[in-house]
Amino acid sequence: MAKRFKIITYGGLDGVKFPDLLVKYSSGYVLPLHVKEGQYVPLEILDPLDVKKSLIVGSLGHYIETGAVKVEDDELLKEELKVEVKKVDVINKDEKIQIEPTVEKIEFQQIQAESEKFLTNLSDVKEVNDFFKLSYFQKLKFIKECNDKILLQSVMSKVPPDGKQLLNNLQLKLSQI
């Protein structure tokens, strides 16, 4: 069942801030999400993968743990998924067979498929490609904890030019080893 996230504590003038959930406007602006008390997190305007990561290692998961956000089942979606199941009689060579149609619920299959691309356990990182399947903060933690100089040098050679913070952390760690 789909989940909704309701803000239950007052978060100040702008409401509760989610720095890792970004709202992308058609004008090109990208701003962090702000939700006021009593409102729901607008999942339909957010990237499903960002929501999944925020639940695991980000602000949404943190707010749920501290009680600032309450997880609820989406009642509207429940009503949409209710389907009357009628028995249909099919006659096949003097045999009467009853067939019951089934309804499959499709929930966040895209999120699950995309989330399988990402690793959540740092001990699973054995090669360069595994490193790039980590979230940004997990990458930083991995660099801090890793002592495999060859792996770190390989990762460093494949970091894109816009990953200056990763490069700086990699250089620092390699100088410490």
N, C-alpha and C. Protein backbone atom coordinates (compact mmCIF):
# COMPACT_ATOMS: atom_id res chain seq x y z
N MET A 1 0.84 -1.18 0.00
CA MET A 1 0.00 0.00 0.00
C MET A 1 0.88 1.23 0.00
N ALA A 2 0.47 2.20 -0.75
CA ALA A 2 1.23 3.45 -0.83
C ALA A 2 1.16 4.18 0.50
N LYS A 3 2.19 4.87 0.80
CA LYS A 3 2.30 5.59 2.07
C LYS A 3 2.24 7.09 1.81
N ARG A 4 1.72 7.80 2.82
CA ARG A 4 1.75 9.26 2.82
C ARG A 4 2.45 9.68 4.10
N PHE A 5 3.08 10.83 4.06
CA PHE A 5 3.84 11.31 5.18
C PHE A 5 3.26 12.64 5.64
N LYS A 6 2.71 12.66 6.87
CA LYS A 6 2.05 13.85 7.41
C LYS A 6 2.96 14.52 8.43
N ILE A 7 3.10 15.83 8.31
CA ILE A 7 3.91 16.61 9.24
C ILE A 7 3.06 16.84 10.50
N ILE A 8 3.58 16.43 11.67
CA ILE A 8 2.79 16.56 12.89
C ILE A 8 3.40 17.49 13.92
N THR A 9 4.59 18.00 13.67
CA THR A 9 5.17 18.97 14.58
C THR A 9 5.44 20.28 13.86
N TYR A 10 5.34 21.33 14.63
CA TYR A 10 5.57 22.67 14.10
C TYR A 10 7.04 22.83 13.78
N GLY A 11 7.34 23.32 12.59
CA GLY A 11 8.74 23.46 12.19
C GLY A 11 9.18 24.88 11.98
N GLY A 12 8.48 25.84 12.50
CA GLY A 12 8.89 27.23 12.31
C GLY A 12 8.04 27.92 11.27
N LEU A 13 8.47 29.07 10.85
CA LEU A 13 7.70 29.89 9.92
C LEU A 13 7.48 29.19 8.58
N ASP A 14 8.51 28.55 8.06
CA ASP A 14 8.42 27.88 6.76
C ASP A 14 7.95 26.44 6.87
N GLY A 15 7.82 25.91 8.07
CA GLY A 15 7.46 24.51 8.23
C GLY A 15 8.71 23.67 8.35
N VAL A 16 8.54 22.37 8.19
CA VAL A 16 9.66 21.44 8.28
C VAL A 16 10.42 21.47 6.96
N LYS A 17 11.73 21.57 7.04
CA LYS A 17 12.56 21.64 5.84
C LYS A 17 13.16 20.26 5.55
N PHE A 18 13.18 19.89 4.29
CA PHE A 18 13.78 18.66 3.82
C PHE A 18 14.89 19.04 2.85
N PRO A 19 16.13 19.20 3.33
CA PRO A 19 17.21 19.68 2.45
C PRO A 19 17.58 18.70 1.34
N ASP A 20 17.25 17.41 1.51
CA ASP A 20 17.62 16.43 0.50
C ASP A 20 16.48 16.11 -0.47
N LEU A 21 15.29 16.68 -0.25
CA LEU A 21 14.18 16.53 -1.19
C LEU A 21 14.01 17.85 -1.93
N LEU A 22 14.35 17.83 -3.20
CA LEU A 22 14.38 19.06 -3.98
C LEU A 22 13.16 19.17 -4.89
N VAL A 23 12.57 20.36 -4.92
CA VAL A 23 11.44 20.65 -5.79
C VAL A 23 12.00 21.35 -7.02
N LYS A 24 11.72 20.78 -8.18
CA LYS A 24 12.23 21.34 -9.44
C LYS A 24 11.10 22.09 -10.14
N TYR A 25 11.26 23.40 -10.27
CA TYR A 25 10.26 24.24 -10.91
C TYR A 25 10.51 24.30 -12.41
N SER A 26 9.44 24.61 -13.16
CA SER A 26 9.55 24.68 -14.61
C SER A 26 10.46 25.83 -15.05
N SER A 27 10.64 26.81 -14.20
CA SER A 27 11.51 27.93 -14.54
C SER A 27 12.99 27.59 -14.41
N GLY A 28 13.27 26.42 -13.85
CA GLY A 28 14.66 26.00 -13.70
C GLY A 28 15.16 26.06 -12.27
N TYR A 29 14.41 26.71 -11.39
CA TYR A 29 14.82 26.78 -9.99
C TYR A 29 14.67 25.43 -9.32
N VAL A 30 15.60 25.13 -8.44
CA VAL A 30 15.55 23.93 -7.64
C VAL A 30 15.71 24.36 -6.18
N LEU A 31 14.68 24.11 -5.39
CA LEU A 31 14.68 24.53 -3.99
C LEU A 31 14.35 23.36 -3.09
N PRO A 32 14.87 23.35 -1.85
CA PRO A 32 14.52 22.29 -0.92
C PRO A 32 13.04 22.38 -0.53
N LEU A 33 12.46 21.26 -0.22
CA LEU A 33 11.05 21.16 0.12
C LEU A 33 10.79 21.71 1.52
N HIS A 34 9.70 22.49 1.66
CA HIS A 34 9.22 23.00 2.94
C HIS A 34 7.76 22.56 3.07
N VAL A 35 7.40 21.90 4.18
CA VAL A 35 6.03 21.46 4.39
C VAL A 35 5.58 21.94 5.76
N LYS A 36 4.39 22.55 5.83
CA LYS A 36 3.87 23.08 7.08
C LYS A 36 3.16 21.99 7.87
N GLU A 37 3.00 22.26 9.17
CA GLU A 37 2.35 21.32 10.09
C GLU A 37 0.93 21.00 9.60
N GLY A 38 0.58 19.70 9.65
CA GLY A 38 -0.74 19.26 9.24
C GLY A 38 -0.84 18.90 7.76
N GLN A 39 0.15 19.26 6.97
CA GLN A 39 0.12 18.96 5.55
C GLN A 39 0.90 17.67 5.28
N TYR A 40 0.70 17.14 4.08
CA TYR A 40 1.39 15.93 3.66
C TYR A 40 2.56 16.27 2.75
N VAL A 41 3.58 15.43 2.78
CA VAL A 41 4.71 15.60 1.87
C VAL A 41 4.20 15.31 0.46
N PRO A 42 4.34 16.23 -0.48
CA PRO A 42 3.79 16.06 -1.83
C PRO A 42 4.68 15.14 -2.68
N LEU A 43 4.47 13.84 -2.54
CA LEU A 43 5.31 12.86 -3.23
C LEU A 43 5.20 12.95 -4.75
N GLU A 44 4.06 13.44 -5.25
CA GLU A 44 3.85 13.48 -6.69
C GLU A 44 4.75 14.49 -7.39
N ILE A 45 5.30 15.46 -6.67
CA ILE A 45 6.18 16.45 -7.31
C ILE A 45 7.65 16.15 -7.08
N LEU A 46 7.94 15.07 -6.35
CA LEU A 46 9.33 14.73 -6.02
C LEU A 46 9.79 13.53 -6.84
N ASP A 47 11.07 13.43 -7.01
CA ASP A 47 11.67 12.28 -7.68
C ASP A 47 11.54 11.07 -6.75
N PRO A 48 10.91 9.97 -7.21
CA PRO A 48 10.70 8.81 -6.34
C PRO A 48 12.01 8.25 -5.77
N LEU A 49 13.09 8.34 -6.54
CA LEU A 49 14.37 7.83 -6.06
C LEU A 49 14.91 8.70 -4.92
N ASP A 50 14.71 10.03 -5.03
CA ASP A 50 15.11 10.93 -3.95
C ASP A 50 14.34 10.62 -2.67
N VAL A 51 13.05 10.32 -2.82
CA VAL A 51 12.22 9.99 -1.65
C VAL A 51 12.73 8.71 -1.00
N LYS A 52 13.04 7.73 -1.80
CA LYS A 52 13.54 6.44 -1.29
C LYS A 52 14.86 6.65 -0.54
N LYS A 53 15.78 7.44 -1.11
CA LYS A 53 17.06 7.70 -0.45
C LYS A 53 16.86 8.51 0.83
N SER A 54 15.93 9.46 0.79
CA SER A 54 15.67 10.27 1.98
C SER A 54 15.10 9.42 3.10
N LEU A 55 14.33 8.40 2.75
CA LEU A 55 13.79 7.50 3.76
C LEU A 55 14.91 6.67 4.41
N ILE A 56 15.88 6.28 3.61
CA ILE A 56 16.94 5.39 4.11
C ILE A 56 17.99 6.17 4.90
N VAL A 57 18.54 7.23 4.31
CA VAL A 57 19.66 7.93 4.95
C VAL A 57 19.47 9.43 5.06
N GLY A 58 18.26 9.92 4.78
CA GLY A 58 18.08 11.35 4.73
C GLY A 58 17.15 11.92 5.77
N SER A 59 16.68 13.12 5.48
CA SER A 59 15.88 13.88 6.44
C SER A 59 14.51 13.26 6.67
N LEU A 60 13.88 12.69 5.67
CA LEU A 60 12.56 12.09 5.84
C LEU A 60 12.62 10.94 6.84
N GLY A 61 13.61 10.06 6.70
CA GLY A 61 13.79 8.97 7.66
C GLY A 61 14.08 9.48 9.06
N HIS A 62 14.88 10.55 9.14
CA HIS A 62 15.22 11.13 10.45
C HIS A 62 13.97 11.71 11.12
N TYR A 63 13.16 12.44 10.35
CA TYR A 63 11.95 13.04 10.92
C TYR A 63 10.95 11.97 11.35
N ILE A 64 10.89 10.86 10.64
CA ILE A 64 10.00 9.77 11.03
C ILE A 64 10.47 9.17 12.35
N GLU A 65 11.79 8.96 12.47
CA GLU A 65 12.35 8.41 13.72
C GLU A 65 12.11 9.31 14.92
N THR A 66 12.20 10.62 14.72
CA THR A 66 12.03 11.56 15.83
C THR A 66 10.57 11.87 16.10
N GLY A 67 9.66 11.44 15.24
CA GLY A 67 8.24 11.66 15.47
C GLY A 67 7.70 12.93 14.87
N ALA A 68 8.49 13.65 14.10
CA ALA A 68 8.01 14.88 13.48
C ALA A 68 7.13 14.59 12.27
N VAL A 69 7.29 13.41 11.68
CA VAL A 69 6.50 13.01 10.52
C VAL A 69 5.85 11.66 10.84
N LYS A 70 4.57 11.56 10.50
CA LYS A 70 3.82 10.34 10.74
C LYS A 70 3.55 9.65 9.40
N VAL A 71 3.73 8.32 9.35
CA VAL A 71 3.50 7.55 8.14
C VAL A 71 2.06 7.05 8.17
N GLU A 72 1.31 7.29 7.09
CA GLU A 72 -0.08 6.86 6.98
C GLU A 72 -0.27 6.12 5.67
N ASP A 73 -1.27 5.22 5.65
CA ASP A 73 -1.66 4.59 4.39
C ASP A 73 -2.48 5.59 3.59
N ASP A 74 -2.33 5.57 2.30
CA ASP A 74 -3.05 6.49 1.43
C ASP A 74 -4.46 5.96 1.21
N GLU A 75 -5.46 6.57 1.87
CA GLU A 75 -6.85 6.13 1.77
C GLU A 75 -7.40 6.30 0.36
N LEU A 76 -7.01 7.37 -0.33
CA LEU A 76 -7.51 7.59 -1.68
C LEU A 76 -7.05 6.48 -2.61
N LEU A 77 -5.80 6.05 -2.43
CA LEU A 77 -5.29 4.98 -3.27
C LEU A 77 -5.99 3.67 -2.95
N LYS A 78 -6.32 3.45 -1.67
CA LYS A 78 -7.04 2.24 -1.29
C LYS A 78 -8.37 2.17 -2.04
N GLU A 79 -9.08 3.31 -2.09
CA GLU A 79 -10.37 3.33 -2.77
C GLU A 79 -10.22 3.11 -4.26
N GLU A 80 -9.16 3.64 -4.86
CA GLU A 80 -8.93 3.44 -6.29
C GLU A 80 -8.62 1.99 -6.61
N LEU A 81 -7.98 1.29 -5.68
CA LEU A 81 -7.59 -0.09 -5.95
C LEU A 81 -8.71 -1.09 -5.69
N LYS A 82 -9.80 -0.64 -5.04
CA LYS A 82 -10.91 -1.55 -4.80
C LYS A 82 -11.58 -1.86 -6.14
N VAL A 83 -11.65 -3.13 -6.47
CA VAL A 83 -12.25 -3.56 -7.72
C VAL A 83 -13.19 -4.70 -7.38
N GLU A 84 -14.37 -4.64 -7.94
CA GLU A 84 -15.30 -5.74 -7.70
C GLU A 84 -14.82 -6.95 -8.49
N VAL A 85 -14.76 -8.07 -7.80
CA VAL A 85 -14.35 -9.30 -8.45
C VAL A 85 -15.59 -10.14 -8.66
N LYS A 86 -15.92 -10.40 -9.90
CA LYS A 86 -17.11 -11.17 -10.23
C LYS A 86 -16.68 -12.50 -10.81
N LYS A 87 -17.44 -13.54 -10.46
CA LYS A 87 -17.16 -14.85 -11.04
C LYS A 87 -17.72 -14.90 -12.44
N VAL A 88 -16.96 -15.45 -13.33
CA VAL A 88 -17.37 -15.56 -14.72
C VAL A 88 -17.44 -17.04 -15.06
N ASP A 89 -18.58 -17.43 -15.59
CA ASP A 89 -18.74 -18.83 -16.00
C ASP A 89 -18.32 -18.99 -17.45
N VAL A 90 -17.44 -19.93 -17.69
CA VAL A 90 -16.97 -20.21 -19.04
C VAL A 90 -17.32 -21.66 -19.35
N ILE A 91 -17.98 -21.86 -20.45
CA ILE A 91 -18.37 -23.22 -20.82
C ILE A 91 -17.41 -23.71 -21.88
N ASN A 92 -16.78 -24.85 -21.61
CA ASN A 92 -15.78 -25.40 -22.52
C ASN A 92 -16.04 -26.89 -22.65
N LYS A 93 -16.65 -27.33 -23.76
CA LYS A 93 -16.93 -28.73 -24.03
C LYS A 93 -17.65 -29.40 -22.87
N ASP A 94 -18.78 -28.88 -22.56
CA ASP A 94 -19.66 -29.40 -21.51
C ASP A 94 -19.05 -29.32 -20.11
N GLU A 95 -17.94 -28.65 -19.94
CA GLU A 95 -17.36 -28.44 -18.62
C GLU A 95 -17.63 -27.01 -18.21
N LYS A 96 -17.99 -26.85 -16.99
CA LYS A 96 -18.23 -25.51 -16.47
C LYS A 96 -17.06 -25.16 -15.57
N ILE A 97 -16.31 -24.14 -15.94
CA ILE A 97 -15.13 -23.71 -15.19
C ILE A 97 -15.40 -22.31 -14.67
N GLN A 98 -15.12 -22.11 -13.41
CA GLN A 98 -15.26 -20.78 -12.85
C GLN A 98 -13.90 -20.11 -12.82
N ILE A 99 -13.86 -18.93 -13.40
CA ILE A 99 -12.61 -18.17 -13.43
C ILE A 99 -12.83 -16.90 -12.63
N GLU A 100 -11.92 -16.65 -11.71
CA GLU A 100 -11.97 -15.42 -10.92
C GLU A 100 -10.85 -14.50 -11.39
N PRO A 101 -11.21 -13.34 -11.91
CA PRO A 101 -10.16 -12.41 -12.32
C PRO A 101 -9.41 -11.90 -11.09
N THR A 102 -8.15 -11.64 -11.28
CA THR A 102 -7.35 -11.13 -10.17
C THR A 102 -6.87 -9.73 -10.50
N VAL A 103 -6.67 -8.97 -9.46
CA VAL A 103 -6.17 -7.61 -9.60
C VAL A 103 -4.82 -7.55 -8.91
N GLU A 104 -3.80 -7.13 -9.65
CA GLU A 104 -2.47 -6.99 -9.06
C GLU A 104 -2.25 -5.54 -8.70
N LYS A 105 -1.74 -5.34 -7.50
CA LYS A 105 -1.40 -3.98 -7.09
C LYS A 105 0.01 -3.69 -7.58
N ILE A 106 0.17 -2.55 -8.20
CA ILE A 106 1.48 -2.13 -8.66
C ILE A 106 1.89 -0.95 -7.79
N GLU A 107 2.87 -1.17 -6.92
CA GLU A 107 3.32 -0.12 -6.03
C GLU A 107 4.81 0.12 -6.19
N PHE A 108 5.14 1.31 -6.54
CA PHE A 108 6.52 1.77 -6.58
C PHE A 108 7.45 0.77 -7.26
N GLN A 109 6.97 0.09 -8.32
CA GLN A 109 7.86 -0.85 -9.00
C GLN A 109 9.05 -0.11 -9.61
N GLN A 110 8.81 1.09 -10.09
CA GLN A 110 9.90 1.86 -10.67
C GLN A 110 10.93 2.20 -9.59
N ILE A 111 10.45 2.57 -8.40
CA ILE A 111 11.37 2.89 -7.30
C ILE A 111 12.18 1.66 -6.93
N GLN A 112 11.49 0.51 -6.82
CA GLN A 112 12.21 -0.69 -6.42
C GLN A 112 13.24 -1.09 -7.47
N ALA A 113 12.87 -0.97 -8.74
CA ALA A 113 13.82 -1.32 -9.80
C ALA A 113 15.03 -0.40 -9.78
N GLU A 114 14.77 0.91 -9.56
CA GLU A 114 15.87 1.85 -9.52
C GLU A 114 16.68 1.73 -8.25
N SER A 115 16.01 1.40 -7.14
CA SER A 115 16.74 1.31 -5.88
C SER A 115 17.64 0.09 -5.84
N GLU A 116 17.34 -0.92 -6.67
CA GLU A 116 18.21 -2.09 -6.72
C GLU A 116 19.55 -1.73 -7.34
N LYS A 117 19.60 -0.61 -8.05
CA LYS A 117 20.86 -0.16 -8.64
C LYS A 117 21.79 0.38 -7.56
N PHE A 118 21.23 0.76 -6.43
CA PHE A 118 22.01 1.40 -5.38
C PHE A 118 22.34 0.41 -4.27
N LEU A 119 23.53 0.57 -3.72
CA LEU A 119 23.94 -0.25 -2.59
C LEU A 119 23.64 0.49 -1.30
N THR A 120 23.36 -0.25 -0.25
CA THR A 120 23.14 0.39 1.04
C THR A 120 24.14 -0.10 2.08
N ASN A 121 24.89 -1.16 1.76
CA ASN A 121 25.84 -1.71 2.70
C ASN A 121 27.26 -1.43 2.19
N LEU A 122 28.04 -0.73 3.00
CA LEU A 122 29.40 -0.35 2.57
C LEU A 122 30.31 -1.56 2.39
N SER A 123 30.03 -2.66 3.09
CA SER A 123 30.89 -3.84 2.95
C SER A 123 30.70 -4.52 1.60
N ASP A 124 29.64 -4.16 0.85
CA ASP A 124 29.41 -4.74 -0.47
C ASP A 124 30.27 -4.09 -1.55
N VAL A 125 30.96 -3.01 -1.23
CA VAL A 125 31.78 -2.31 -2.22
C VAL A 125 33.11 -3.05 -2.37
N LYS A 126 33.26 -3.68 -3.53
CA LYS A 126 34.48 -4.45 -3.81
C LYS A 126 35.23 -3.91 -5.02
N GLU A 127 34.54 -3.09 -5.83
CA GLU A 127 35.17 -2.55 -7.03
C GLU A 127 34.63 -1.15 -7.30
N VAL A 128 35.18 -0.50 -8.30
CA VAL A 128 34.87 0.89 -8.60
C VAL A 128 33.38 1.08 -8.90
N ASN A 129 32.80 0.20 -9.70
CA ASN A 129 31.39 0.32 -10.06
C ASN A 129 30.49 0.25 -8.83
N ASP A 130 30.86 -0.56 -7.85
CA ASP A 130 30.08 -0.65 -6.61
C ASP A 130 30.10 0.68 -5.87
N PHE A 131 31.24 1.36 -5.90
CA PHE A 131 31.36 2.65 -5.21
C PHE A 131 30.35 3.65 -5.76
N PHE A 132 30.16 3.68 -7.07
CA PHE A 132 29.27 4.66 -7.68
C PHE A 132 27.80 4.29 -7.53
N LYS A 133 27.50 3.14 -6.94
CA LYS A 133 26.13 2.76 -6.63
C LYS A 133 25.72 3.23 -5.24
N LEU A 134 26.64 3.85 -4.51
CA LEU A 134 26.34 4.37 -3.18
C LEU A 134 25.74 5.76 -3.29
N SER A 135 24.99 6.16 -2.27
CA SER A 135 24.51 7.54 -2.21
C SER A 135 25.71 8.43 -1.90
N TYR A 136 25.53 9.73 -2.04
CA TYR A 136 26.64 10.67 -1.86
C TYR A 136 27.25 10.56 -0.46
N PHE A 137 26.41 10.55 0.57
CA PHE A 137 26.93 10.50 1.93
C PHE A 137 27.55 9.14 2.25
N GLN A 138 27.03 8.09 1.64
CA GLN A 138 27.65 6.78 1.82
C GLN A 138 29.02 6.73 1.13
N LYS A 139 29.16 7.44 0.01
CA LYS A 139 30.46 7.51 -0.66
C LYS A 139 31.48 8.17 0.26
N LEU A 140 31.08 9.27 0.90
CA LEU A 140 31.99 9.96 1.82
C LEU A 140 32.37 9.06 3.00
N LYS A 141 31.40 8.34 3.52
CA LYS A 141 31.66 7.44 4.65
C LYS A 141 32.59 6.30 4.22
N PHE A 142 32.36 5.78 3.01
CA PHE A 142 33.21 4.71 2.51
C PHE A 142 34.65 5.17 2.38
N ILE A 143 34.84 6.37 1.82
CA ILE A 143 36.20 6.92 1.67
C ILE A 143 36.87 7.02 3.03
N LYS A 144 36.14 7.48 4.00
CA LYS A 144 36.68 7.66 5.35
C LYS A 144 37.09 6.34 5.98
N GLU A 145 36.33 5.27 5.71
CA GLU A 145 36.58 3.98 6.37
C GLU A 145 37.46 3.02 5.57
N CYS A 146 37.63 3.27 4.28
CA CYS A 146 38.36 2.34 3.42
C CYS A 146 39.88 2.50 3.61
N ASN A 147 40.58 1.36 3.59
CA ASN A 147 42.03 1.38 3.68
C ASN A 147 42.68 0.71 2.47
N ASP A 148 41.89 0.40 1.45
CA ASP A 148 42.39 -0.24 0.24
C ASP A 148 42.87 0.86 -0.72
N LYS A 149 44.19 1.07 -0.74
CA LYS A 149 44.77 2.16 -1.52
C LYS A 149 44.50 2.01 -3.01
N ILE A 150 44.57 0.79 -3.52
CA ILE A 150 44.37 0.54 -4.96
C ILE A 150 42.93 0.87 -5.36
N LEU A 151 41.98 0.44 -4.54
CA LEU A 151 40.58 0.72 -4.83
C LEU A 151 40.31 2.23 -4.79
N LEU A 152 40.85 2.90 -3.80
CA LEU A 152 40.65 4.35 -3.70
C LEU A 152 41.28 5.09 -4.88
N GLN A 153 42.46 4.64 -5.34
CA GLN A 153 43.08 5.27 -6.50
C GLN A 153 42.25 5.02 -7.77
N SER A 154 41.68 3.82 -7.88
CA SER A 154 40.82 3.51 -9.03
C SER A 154 39.57 4.38 -9.02
N VAL A 155 38.99 4.55 -7.86
CA VAL A 155 37.80 5.39 -7.73
C VAL A 155 38.15 6.82 -8.09
N MET A 156 39.29 7.28 -7.62
CA MET A 156 39.71 8.66 -7.85
C MET A 156 39.86 8.95 -9.35
N SER A 157 40.34 7.95 -10.10
CA SER A 157 40.53 8.16 -11.53
C SER A 157 39.20 8.22 -12.30
N LYS A 158 38.12 7.74 -11.69
CA LYS A 158 36.82 7.71 -12.38
C LYS A 158 35.83 8.74 -11.86
N VAL A 159 36.20 9.53 -10.87
CA VAL A 159 35.29 10.55 -10.34
C VAL A 159 35.10 11.63 -11.39
N PRO A 160 33.85 12.02 -11.66
CA PRO A 160 33.61 13.06 -12.68
C PRO A 160 34.14 14.42 -12.21
N PRO A 161 34.34 15.33 -13.14
CA PRO A 161 34.92 16.64 -12.80
C PRO A 161 34.09 17.45 -11.79
N ASP A 162 32.78 17.22 -11.74
CA ASP A 162 31.95 17.96 -10.80
C ASP A 162 31.98 17.37 -9.40
N GLY A 163 32.74 16.31 -9.18
CA GLY A 163 32.84 15.68 -7.87
C GLY A 163 34.07 16.13 -7.11
N LYS A 164 34.27 17.44 -7.00
CA LYS A 164 35.48 17.97 -6.36
C LYS A 164 35.57 17.58 -4.89
N GLN A 165 34.42 17.54 -4.19
CA GLN A 165 34.45 17.18 -2.78
C GLN A 165 34.90 15.73 -2.61
N LEU A 166 34.43 14.86 -3.48
CA LEU A 166 34.87 13.46 -3.43
C LEU A 166 36.36 13.36 -3.72
N LEU A 167 36.82 14.12 -4.72
CA LEU A 167 38.25 14.10 -5.05
C LEU A 167 39.10 14.59 -3.88
N ASN A 168 38.67 15.65 -3.22
CA ASN A 168 39.40 16.17 -2.07
C ASN A 168 39.46 15.15 -0.94
N ASN A 169 38.34 14.49 -0.67
CA ASN A 169 38.32 13.46 0.38
C ASN A 169 39.19 12.27 0.01
N LEU A 170 39.16 11.88 -1.27
CA LEU A 170 40.00 10.77 -1.71
C LEU A 170 41.49 11.11 -1.58
N GLN A 171 41.88 12.33 -1.98
CA GLN A 171 43.27 12.74 -1.87
C GLN A 171 43.72 12.76 -0.41
N LEU A 172 42.89 13.27 0.46
CA LEU A 172 43.20 13.31 1.89
C LEU A 172 43.39 11.89 2.44
N LYS A 173 42.48 11.00 2.12
CA LYS A 173 42.55 9.63 2.63
C LYS A 173 43.78 8.92 2.10
N LEU A 174 44.09 9.11 0.81
CA LEU A 174 45.28 8.47 0.24
C LEU A 174 46.56 9.01 0.88
N SER A 175 46.57 10.27 1.24
CA SER A 175 47.76 10.82 1.89
C SER A 175 47.92 10.30 3.32
N GLN A 176 46.80 9.87 3.92
CA GLN A 176 46.86 9.33 5.29
C GLN A 176 47.25 7.86 5.33
N ILE A 177 47.04 7.15 4.23
CA ILE A 177 47.34 5.70 4.19
C ILE A 177 48.84 5.50 4.03
